[in-house]
Every structure is written in structure tokens, then in C-alpha cells.
Amino acid sequence: MKTCDLLVIGGGIVGLTLAREWLIRHPTSKVVVLEKEANSVSHGTGRNSGVVHSGIYYSEGSLRARLCVSGCQQMLDYVAAHDLWIDRCGKLLVPPSESALESMQRLLDRGRANGVDIHRVTGQEALQLEPRVNPQFDQALFVPITSVVNPKEVAERVRLDVLEAGGVIHYKIPAQSIHSRRGTVQTSIGTFEAGTVINAAGLFADQVAKRAGLQTRYRFQPFKGKYWKHKDPSFQMQRLVYPVPDLNLPFLGVHSAHNQAGDVYFGPSSTPVIGRENYQGLQGISFGDGLSLSAALIAKFVQNTNGLRTLAMRELKLMRMRGVCDELSKILTGIEPGHLEQSLVKVGIRSQIFDSTTQHLVNDFVVVPDGRAIHILNAISPAFTASFAFAKHILDEYQQ
């Protein structure tokens, strides 16, 4: 039996920041991280856009709002302290339709309630901030603090922090059976007994929880996000540009994104899928999981849960490049189908859960303690932005 003070299941950004924060608080303790992949960036951590979100989208007082706002500043401070790449570009939110003007006011009020520096600007001011924007309703919102970092670079630096502080990370070692009361986790390299076990397994957090015997009202529903890359390497944008979203849907709409290499992307789609790692074709779809996810998805579509049928109709338009450009034309100018190509690299899966009691997608982080185990079941966006604050919250609230 191998013993440790903390065992983290999942070596993505949430798991790494948890291990780092524990070692800051308890520098002589023994911390072990288990990761089923060969690295920390195969899934959500390495596939996210690297946007450091401000916290304007989330309801006042929600965990996402509080941890995103504080996590944003902590992420910016961390990146600065370690001299990592950052583009402090800010973000424009442009109403794509007249009906979005009401949502724009709600976002402005919500952002200010959450303590975010957010401004209403005129169409002319928006064009000065980003000449490619389409301010068709002569107004937009501007959030100066929103930035872009390199998520793989951040994750690598946090990984090194964990190792340099004495933590141990085992790659290609998935957790097998888990006993929450005893704090034991079986693996291919032996059984670990830990004072605290934290399930930060992302796309597989619900399965890990189920193996630990946890019974909840939550079910998993993955969504795929695809992006389209601008072919011209000289094409650049000064700001991130997003639509003012439909607040009745749980997604932000098709927007711009860019990275350290200067590549510019547009997306994502928000396509319900039946595989946790279904990035391409039939990849990542298991028979049993696919069957249960398919049945659940059909039921949600019929009932139009959280507007999923409406979302599906929009997604059909995004199957054609013309449809993508039509969506973009509502917030940007000069983007034509011939300018874009679908990216085979920038594809992600959102680890979204569904509440079978309320019959709604869950729009906040969900943390469930059980014995010596702590299960993070809904580490949806902005989990990357919030990761440092999330780690502090988990240990403040749940550490025994």
C-alpha cells in the first residue's frame, strides 16, 4: 500500500493547480497526481482557447462568477510572475440582432454586479478598438481585462511547480477502483491510500465518481466545439470579438480567437456528441457510453431541454462554410468562405452535466464531497481561468 496526504485524479489544469495549492499550504506533505494520458494537455487544458475570461456571463453570487473574477486576476498575476506569453487584448461584445440588445443590458448589469470593469461603447468607438467589427446597432460592450494566454505553457509551468515542490505525477496511470471512505485508489502500479482524494478527471469525472460509489442526480452530456482557421497568416485582429449571446442557451456563440503563433480562428460550434473524446469521426465513442448518451440526447432534443433543439438548428447551419460566415457577418466584416478552413487541431469537448431532477443543463461548477473524496463534477468553462481560485476554494471549503 502506497500512502500520501493528497491524491488527485486528473492531471489537467484543475488537478495541477489543486496539487500546487496543497503543496504551498503543506510543503512537507506527500502529493500524488494520477493522469490517464501521457501528458496534461491532451484534452480540455490543451484544447481550450486560452482566453482569460472576466466573469461577465455568470449570475451574481454563483460559484462560476466568484471564481472566474478572482481567478482571472490570479491567472494574470501568475503569467506575469513567470514571464509567460500574454496578449492583453480586451474583448468586444457585439449585438448580432435587435433582440440581443436586451441581453446586452443584462450582461452590462451582470458584469458590474460581479465587479468587472465593463463599458458600453458606440459603434465608432468599437471600430477604433477593432476595425474589423460590424457594429450594426451602433453599440457594443468592451471588457478591457479579457486576455489570451498559451494554455499549454501555463499548464507546463504549473506542472513544474508541482514537481519542484516535491509532488509526484504519474502519467498513463488511470484510477481504477476507488473507496471514498477509506481514501484508497487502485491503479496498475499499486494501491494508494490518501488522506484526501480529489476527483478532477474532467470529461471522465462522473465515471470516476460512479466507480467510487457516488450516487447523484447528475448525468453527463458532452458538446463538441469545432473551429475554423483563417488561411491568411497575415490576417490579424486587435481584439477578441464575441456576439452578445442568447442568454437562454448555455453557449457563447461563434466568435474570434487567436493564439501565440498569430493564428486566427472562428468558432466554436456547440454540437451535442455521444463520445467523451469524440474529436474526429467516430473517435472516442464507446458502445455502452455512446448508447446511453444517444438515448439521453434524443430525449433532450424532443423536450427542447435548455433550447437544445433550437441550438441543433443553428448547428446545422454551421455545417456549411457559408453558414459559418453568415454567423460571423453579424459581428465582423470581410470574412468569406474562401478565407476559412476547418481546423483539425482546434477541437474540444465541453464536460457538461445535466440535472435529471430539474431537467436542465447545470450552469455552475458542482463539487460533491463523499468521505475522504471530493468530486469536481462540472468543471465547465471558465474552469481554466478560474483554476487557481478554484483550487483555493476547494481546499478552503472541503479540506479535512
Protein backbone atom coordinates (compact mmCIF):
# COMPACT_ATOMS: atom_id res chain seq x y z
CA MET A 1 0.00 0.00 0.00
CA LYS A 2 1.38 3.39 -1.04
CA THR A 3 0.38 6.30 1.19
CA CYS A 4 0.06 10.02 0.55
CA ASP A 5 -1.66 13.05 2.02
CA LEU A 6 -3.39 14.08 -1.21
CA LEU A 7 -4.15 12.07 -4.31
CA VAL A 8 -5.54 13.96 -7.31
CA ILE A 9 -7.23 12.03 -10.12
CA GLY A 10 -6.73 14.06 -13.28
CA GLY A 11 -3.61 15.95 -14.33
CA GLY A 12 -5.21 18.80 -16.29
CA ILE A 13 -5.10 22.41 -15.15
CA VAL A 14 -7.65 21.91 -12.35
CA GLY A 15 -5.81 18.90 -10.93
CA LEU A 16 -2.40 20.58 -11.27
CA THR A 17 -3.46 23.80 -9.54
CA LEU A 18 -5.00 21.75 -6.73
CA ALA A 19 -1.74 19.86 -6.22
CA ARG A 20 0.23 23.13 -6.37
CA GLU A 21 -2.02 24.89 -3.85
CA TRP A 22 -1.90 21.95 -1.43
CA LEU A 23 1.91 21.94 -1.55
CA ILE A 24 2.03 25.69 -0.93
CA ARG A 25 -0.08 25.16 2.19
CA HIS A 26 1.57 21.91 3.28
CA PRO A 27 5.12 21.92 1.88
CA THR A 28 6.23 18.76 3.71
CA SER A 29 3.23 16.66 2.68
CA LYS A 30 3.16 13.95 0.05
CA VAL A 31 1.07 14.72 -3.04
CA VAL A 32 0.39 12.35 -5.93
CA VAL A 33 -1.38 13.15 -9.23
CA LEU A 34 -2.71 10.38 -11.49
CA GLU A 35 -3.30 11.12 -15.18
CA LYS A 36 -4.51 8.54 -17.68
CA GLU A 37 -2.89 10.31 -20.66
CA ALA A 38 0.81 10.73 -21.46
CA ASN A 39 0.68 14.45 -20.66
CA SER A 40 -1.50 17.14 -19.06
CA VAL A 41 -2.74 18.79 -22.24
CA SER A 42 -4.44 16.07 -24.31
CA HIS A 43 -7.95 17.25 -23.54
CA GLY A 44 -9.61 20.39 -22.13
CA THR A 45 -6.46 22.00 -20.78
CA GLY A 46 -4.58 21.87 -24.05
CA ARG A 47 -7.57 22.33 -26.33
CA ASN A 48 -9.19 25.41 -24.80
CA SER A 49 -8.85 28.83 -26.40
CA GLY A 50 -6.53 30.28 -23.75
CA VAL A 51 -8.95 33.16 -23.14
CA VAL A 52 -8.74 34.52 -19.61
CA HIS A 53 -12.40 35.37 -19.04
CA SER A 54 -13.57 38.31 -16.94
CA GLY A 55 -16.70 36.87 -15.31
CA ILE A 56 -19.43 38.91 -17.03
CA TYR A 57 -21.56 35.97 -18.17
CA TYR A 58 -22.30 34.29 -14.85
CA SER A 59 -25.11 35.01 -12.41
CA GLU A 60 -24.16 37.19 -9.46
CA GLY A 61 -23.18 35.10 -6.45
CA SER A 62 -22.69 31.88 -8.43
CA LEU A 63 -19.51 29.87 -7.96
CA ARG A 64 -18.55 30.48 -11.58
CA ALA A 65 -18.92 34.25 -11.16
CA ARG A 66 -16.90 34.44 -7.94
CA LEU A 67 -14.13 32.09 -9.00
CA CYS A 68 -13.87 33.48 -12.54
CA VAL A 69 -13.47 37.08 -11.33
CA SER A 70 -10.87 36.21 -8.69
CA GLY A 71 -9.29 33.52 -10.88
CA CYS A 72 -8.88 35.94 -13.77
CA GLN A 73 -6.68 38.23 -11.71
CA GLN A 74 -4.77 35.30 -10.20
CA MET A 75 -4.11 33.88 -13.68
CA LEU A 76 -2.87 37.26 -14.93
CA ASP A 77 -0.63 37.63 -11.86
CA TYR A 78 0.76 34.11 -12.32
CA VAL A 79 1.52 34.65 -16.01
CA ALA A 80 3.26 37.96 -15.22
CA ALA A 81 5.26 36.47 -12.33
CA HIS A 82 6.59 33.68 -14.56
CA ASP A 83 7.05 35.87 -17.66
CA LEU A 84 4.71 33.72 -19.75
CA TRP A 85 3.14 34.90 -23.02
CA ILE A 86 0.01 37.02 -22.80
CA ASP A 87 -1.99 39.27 -25.10
CA ARG A 88 -3.96 41.79 -23.03
CA CYS A 89 -6.24 42.49 -25.97
CA GLY A 90 -9.60 43.01 -24.29
CA LYS A 91 -12.92 41.81 -25.68
CA LEU A 92 -15.72 43.43 -27.64
CA LEU A 93 -19.24 42.01 -27.40
CA VAL A 94 -21.35 42.97 -30.40
CA PRO A 95 -25.15 42.51 -30.60
CA PRO A 96 -25.83 40.25 -33.61
CA SER A 97 -29.54 41.07 -33.70
CA GLU A 98 -32.01 43.59 -32.35
CA SER A 99 -33.25 41.05 -29.81
CA ALA A 100 -29.71 40.86 -28.39
CA LEU A 101 -29.90 44.47 -27.19
CA GLU A 102 -31.87 43.41 -24.11
CA SER A 103 -29.28 40.71 -23.37
CA MET A 104 -26.57 43.33 -23.78
CA GLN A 105 -28.05 45.41 -20.99
CA ARG A 106 -28.38 42.31 -18.80
CA LEU A 107 -24.71 41.47 -19.43
CA LEU A 108 -23.67 45.01 -18.59
CA ASP A 109 -25.61 44.89 -15.33
CA ARG A 110 -24.37 41.39 -14.51
CA GLY A 111 -20.75 42.26 -15.22
CA ARG A 112 -20.89 45.33 -13.00
CA ALA A 113 -22.62 43.34 -10.24
CA ASN A 114 -19.75 40.84 -10.42
CA GLY A 115 -17.21 43.66 -10.07
CA VAL A 116 -15.93 43.54 -13.67
CA ASP A 117 -14.71 46.67 -15.46
CA ILE A 118 -17.10 46.73 -18.45
CA HIS A 119 -18.13 49.63 -20.70
CA ARG A 120 -20.81 50.37 -23.25
CA VAL A 121 -19.19 51.90 -26.35
CA THR A 122 -20.55 53.46 -29.52
CA GLY A 123 -20.19 51.85 -32.91
CA GLN A 124 -17.46 54.33 -33.81
CA GLU A 125 -15.57 53.58 -30.61
CA ALA A 126 -15.90 49.85 -31.31
CA LEU A 127 -14.38 50.37 -34.79
CA GLN A 128 -11.47 52.25 -33.25
CA LEU A 129 -10.87 49.32 -30.91
CA GLU A 130 -11.21 46.72 -33.72
CA PRO A 131 -11.54 47.88 -37.34
CA ARG A 132 -12.99 44.52 -38.47
CA VAL A 133 -16.01 44.73 -36.17
CA ASN A 134 -19.56 45.15 -37.51
CA PRO A 135 -21.41 47.45 -35.07
CA GLN A 136 -24.70 47.24 -36.98
CA PHE A 137 -26.68 48.56 -33.99
CA ASP A 138 -24.15 51.31 -33.26
CA GLN A 139 -23.19 49.95 -29.84
CA ALA A 140 -21.14 47.24 -28.17
CA LEU A 141 -19.65 46.28 -24.84
CA PHE A 142 -15.92 46.38 -24.11
CA VAL A 143 -14.18 44.38 -21.37
CA PRO A 144 -10.55 45.54 -21.08
CA ILE A 145 -9.27 42.80 -18.72
CA THR A 146 -10.06 39.84 -21.01
CA SER A 147 -6.77 38.42 -22.26
CA VAL A 148 -5.30 35.47 -24.14
CA VAL A 149 -2.56 33.19 -22.80
CA ASN A 150 -0.95 29.99 -24.04
CA PRO A 151 -2.80 27.28 -22.05
CA LYS A 152 -0.16 24.63 -22.70
CA GLU A 153 2.58 26.96 -21.49
CA VAL A 154 0.61 27.78 -18.32
CA ALA A 155 -0.08 24.10 -17.63
CA GLU A 156 3.58 23.21 -18.12
CA ARG A 157 4.68 25.90 -15.67
CA VAL A 158 2.17 24.70 -13.06
CA ARG A 159 3.31 21.10 -13.65
CA LEU A 160 6.88 22.17 -12.92
CA ASP A 161 5.71 23.98 -9.78
CA VAL A 162 4.21 20.72 -8.52
CA LEU A 163 7.33 18.69 -9.26
CA GLU A 164 9.70 21.32 -7.83
CA ALA A 165 7.65 21.38 -4.62
CA GLY A 166 8.06 17.60 -4.24
CA GLY A 167 4.82 16.40 -5.81
CA VAL A 168 4.69 13.24 -7.92
CA ILE A 169 2.78 12.98 -11.21
CA HIS A 170 2.13 9.55 -12.73
CA TYR A 171 1.19 9.70 -16.43
CA LYS A 172 -0.53 6.83 -18.28
CA ILE A 173 -1.89 5.65 -14.92
CA PRO A 174 -5.70 5.81 -14.73
CA ALA A 175 -7.53 5.38 -11.44
CA GLN A 176 -9.35 2.07 -11.28
CA SER A 177 -11.50 1.22 -8.25
CA ILE A 178 -11.92 3.87 -5.55
CA HIS A 179 -13.09 3.57 -1.95
CA SER A 180 -14.16 7.01 -0.76
CA ARG A 181 -14.47 6.16 2.93
CA ARG A 182 -11.03 4.59 3.14
CA GLY A 183 -9.41 7.00 0.70
CA THR A 184 -7.97 4.16 -1.37
CA VAL A 185 -7.43 4.15 -5.13
CA GLN A 186 -6.30 1.09 -7.08
CA THR A 187 -4.05 1.55 -10.11
CA SER A 188 -1.81 -0.57 -12.32
CA ILE A 189 1.19 0.44 -10.18
CA GLY A 190 -0.42 -0.46 -6.87
CA THR A 191 -2.99 0.81 -4.38
CA PHE A 192 -2.75 4.30 -2.90
CA GLU A 193 -4.22 5.33 0.43
CA ALA A 194 -4.67 9.08 0.81
CA GLY A 195 -5.95 11.40 3.49
CA THR A 196 -7.82 13.25 0.75
CA VAL A 197 -8.72 12.12 -2.77
CA ILE A 198 -9.84 14.76 -5.26
CA ASN A 199 -11.56 13.72 -8.47
CA ALA A 200 -10.58 16.31 -11.10
CA ALA A 201 -10.96 13.96 -14.05
CA GLY A 202 -12.80 16.40 -16.33
CA LEU A 203 -14.57 14.51 -19.11
CA PHE A 204 -14.48 11.34 -17.01
CA ALA A 205 -15.24 12.85 -13.58
CA ASP A 206 -18.74 11.34 -13.50
CA GLN A 207 -17.38 7.88 -14.29
CA VAL A 208 -14.69 8.19 -11.62
CA ALA A 209 -17.38 9.26 -9.14
CA LYS A 210 -19.53 6.30 -10.14
CA ARG A 211 -16.59 3.93 -9.59
CA ALA A 212 -16.25 5.46 -6.12
CA GLY A 213 -19.88 4.57 -5.42
CA LEU A 214 -21.23 8.11 -5.53
CA GLN A 215 -24.90 8.36 -6.46
CA THR A 216 -26.06 11.74 -7.77
CA ARG A 217 -28.86 13.24 -9.84
CA TYR A 218 -26.33 14.35 -12.49
CA ARG A 219 -25.76 12.84 -15.93
CA PHE A 220 -23.05 13.68 -18.44
CA GLN A 221 -23.74 15.35 -21.82
CA PRO A 222 -20.68 16.25 -23.93
CA PHE A 223 -20.65 19.01 -26.56
CA LYS A 224 -18.05 19.32 -29.31
CA GLY A 225 -16.57 22.69 -30.20
CA LYS A 226 -15.06 22.98 -33.69
CA TYR A 227 -13.16 26.00 -35.01
CA TRP A 228 -12.37 27.38 -38.45
CA LYS A 229 -8.94 28.87 -39.11
CA HIS A 230 -8.25 31.91 -41.30
CA LYS A 231 -5.96 30.77 -44.12
CA ASP A 232 -4.08 34.07 -44.47
CA PRO A 233 -1.17 34.10 -41.95
CA SER A 234 -1.04 37.91 -42.19
CA PHE A 235 -4.68 38.27 -41.08
CA GLN A 236 -4.76 39.74 -37.57
CA MET A 237 -7.25 41.15 -35.12
CA GLN A 238 -6.57 43.65 -32.37
CA ARG A 239 -9.32 42.44 -30.02
CA LEU A 240 -11.35 39.37 -29.28
CA VAL A 241 -14.82 39.82 -30.79
CA TYR A 242 -17.81 37.88 -29.44
CA PRO A 243 -21.53 38.16 -30.09
CA VAL A 244 -23.79 39.21 -27.25
CA PRO A 245 -25.06 35.69 -26.54
CA ASP A 246 -28.58 34.34 -26.32
CA LEU A 247 -28.80 34.03 -22.54
CA ASN A 248 -31.40 31.27 -22.93
CA LEU A 249 -28.71 28.99 -24.38
CA PRO A 250 -25.68 27.76 -22.40
CA PHE A 251 -23.10 28.77 -25.04
CA LEU A 252 -21.42 32.00 -26.13
CA GLY A 253 -21.88 31.82 -29.91
CA VAL A 254 -19.39 31.90 -32.78
CA HIS A 255 -16.57 34.35 -32.02
CA SER A 256 -12.95 35.11 -32.81
CA ALA A 257 -9.93 33.54 -31.13
CA HIS A 258 -6.18 33.79 -31.64
CA ASN A 259 -3.01 32.29 -30.23
CA GLN A 260 0.64 33.00 -29.57
CA ALA A 261 1.63 31.91 -33.09
CA GLY A 262 -0.66 34.58 -34.58
CA ASP A 263 -3.24 32.13 -35.94
CA VAL A 264 -6.81 33.48 -36.01
CA TYR A 265 -9.75 31.15 -35.52
CA PHE A 266 -13.52 31.48 -35.51
CA GLY A 267 -15.90 29.25 -33.60
CA PRO A 268 -16.82 27.19 -31.76
CA SER A 269 -19.69 25.04 -32.80
CA SER A 270 -21.64 23.57 -29.88
CA THR A 271 -22.57 20.15 -31.22
CA PRO A 272 -24.01 17.51 -28.85
CA VAL A 273 -21.98 14.32 -29.30
CA ILE A 274 -22.06 10.77 -27.96
CA GLY A 275 -18.35 10.34 -27.15
CA ARG A 276 -16.27 11.89 -24.39
CA GLU A 277 -13.24 12.14 -26.66
CA ASN A 278 -15.10 12.31 -29.98
CA TYR A 279 -12.80 14.88 -31.59
CA GLN A 280 -12.91 13.41 -35.12
CA GLY A 281 -15.23 10.96 -36.88
CA LEU A 282 -16.10 8.01 -34.63
CA GLN A 283 -13.03 8.52 -32.45
CA GLY A 284 -13.61 8.25 -28.71
CA ILE A 285 -17.05 6.64 -28.85
CA SER A 286 -17.54 3.50 -26.76
CA PHE A 287 -20.56 1.27 -27.39
CA GLY A 288 -22.07 1.43 -23.90
CA ASP A 289 -21.39 5.11 -23.30
CA GLY A 290 -22.49 6.01 -26.82
CA LEU A 291 -25.77 4.14 -26.42
CA SER A 292 -26.70 5.80 -23.12
CA LEU A 293 -25.64 9.26 -24.32
CA SER A 294 -27.63 8.80 -27.54
CA ALA A 295 -30.81 7.89 -25.67
CA ALA A 296 -30.45 10.81 -23.30
CA LEU A 297 -29.70 13.22 -26.14
CA ILE A 298 -32.79 12.18 -28.12
CA ALA A 299 -34.97 12.80 -25.04
CA LYS A 300 -33.45 16.26 -24.52
CA PHE A 301 -33.94 17.11 -28.19
CA VAL A 302 -37.61 16.09 -28.12
CA GLN A 303 -38.21 18.14 -24.97
CA ASN A 304 -36.04 21.04 -26.25
CA THR A 305 -34.17 20.99 -22.93
CA ASN A 306 -32.27 24.27 -22.46
CA GLY A 307 -33.15 25.13 -26.04
CA LEU A 308 -31.16 22.16 -27.42
CA ARG A 309 -33.48 21.75 -30.40
CA THR A 310 -33.02 25.45 -31.19
CA LEU A 311 -29.27 25.01 -30.78
CA ALA A 312 -29.31 21.98 -33.11
CA MET A 313 -31.00 24.04 -35.82
CA ARG A 314 -28.25 26.64 -35.54
CA GLU A 315 -25.60 23.92 -35.62
CA LEU A 316 -26.97 22.61 -38.92
CA LYS A 317 -26.16 25.99 -40.48
CA LEU A 318 -22.57 25.68 -39.27
CA MET A 319 -22.06 22.50 -41.28
CA ARG A 320 -21.56 24.71 -44.34
CA MET A 321 -18.77 27.30 -44.54
CA ARG A 322 -21.33 29.78 -45.84
CA GLY A 323 -23.33 29.28 -42.65
CA VAL A 324 -20.26 29.98 -40.52
CA CYS A 325 -19.59 33.20 -42.44
CA ASP A 326 -23.23 34.23 -42.18
CA GLU A 327 -22.97 33.96 -38.39
CA LEU A 328 -19.70 35.89 -38.35
CA SER A 329 -21.09 38.63 -40.60
CA LYS A 330 -23.39 39.68 -37.78
CA ILE A 331 -20.39 40.81 -35.71
CA LEU A 332 -17.45 41.08 -38.18
CA THR A 333 -16.85 42.27 -41.73
CA GLY A 334 -14.77 40.84 -44.57
CA ILE A 335 -14.86 37.12 -43.69
CA GLU A 336 -15.76 34.94 -46.70
CA PRO A 337 -15.96 31.13 -47.09
CA GLY A 338 -12.78 31.05 -49.17
CA HIS A 339 -10.85 32.61 -46.30
CA LEU A 340 -11.50 29.76 -43.87
CA GLU A 341 -10.65 26.10 -43.38
CA GLN A 342 -11.88 23.77 -40.66
CA SER A 343 -9.21 23.15 -38.06
CA LEU A 344 -8.41 19.53 -37.29
CA VAL A 345 -6.35 20.59 -34.28
CA LYS A 346 -8.54 23.12 -32.52
CA VAL A 347 -11.40 20.84 -31.46
CA GLY A 348 -12.58 20.46 -27.88
CA ILE A 349 -15.22 18.68 -25.81
CA ARG A 350 -17.14 20.51 -23.09
CA SER A 351 -17.54 18.39 -19.94
CA GLN A 352 -21.14 19.39 -19.28
CA ILE A 353 -23.52 17.71 -16.82
CA PHE A 354 -27.32 17.54 -16.81
CA ASP A 355 -29.52 17.63 -13.69
CA SER A 356 -32.13 14.87 -14.03
CA THR A 357 -34.23 16.45 -11.27
CA THR A 358 -34.59 19.94 -12.76
CA GLN A 359 -34.26 18.64 -16.35
CA HIS A 360 -31.72 21.34 -17.15
CA LEU A 361 -28.06 21.57 -18.05
CA VAL A 362 -26.11 22.68 -14.98
CA ASN A 363 -24.59 26.12 -15.47
CA ASP A 364 -22.36 26.25 -12.41
CA PHE A 365 -19.41 24.33 -11.02
CA VAL A 366 -20.51 21.31 -8.98
CA VAL A 367 -18.43 19.91 -6.11
CA VAL A 368 -19.62 16.90 -4.11
CA PRO A 369 -17.72 15.66 -1.02
CA ASP A 370 -18.04 11.99 -0.06
CA GLY A 371 -15.96 10.50 2.74
CA ARG A 372 -12.32 11.26 2.04
CA ALA A 373 -13.14 12.04 -1.60
CA ILE A 374 -14.06 15.34 -3.23
CA HIS A 375 -15.64 15.11 -6.67
CA ILE A 376 -15.48 18.04 -9.12
CA LEU A 377 -18.30 17.10 -11.48
CA ASN A 378 -18.88 20.13 -13.71
CA ALA A 379 -15.57 21.85 -14.48
CA ILE A 380 -17.03 23.71 -17.46
CA SER A 381 -15.74 27.00 -18.85
CA PRO A 382 -14.30 29.15 -17.30
CA ALA A 383 -12.51 26.38 -15.35
CA PHE A 384 -9.16 27.25 -16.95
CA THR A 385 -9.48 30.93 -16.00
CA ALA A 386 -10.78 30.06 -12.54
CA SER A 387 -8.30 27.24 -11.83
CA PHE A 388 -6.08 29.00 -9.26
CA ALA A 389 -9.10 30.40 -7.39
CA PHE A 390 -10.91 27.06 -7.77
CA ALA A 391 -8.04 25.24 -6.05
CA LYS A 392 -8.12 27.65 -3.12
CA HIS A 393 -11.88 27.34 -2.85
CA ILE A 394 -11.80 23.52 -2.80
CA LEU A 395 -9.16 23.39 -0.08
CA ASP A 396 -10.77 26.17 1.97
CA GLU A 397 -14.20 24.56 1.85
CA TYR A 398 -13.54 20.83 1.83
CA GLN A 399 -10.07 20.01 3.16
CA GLN A 400 -10.41 17.90 6.29
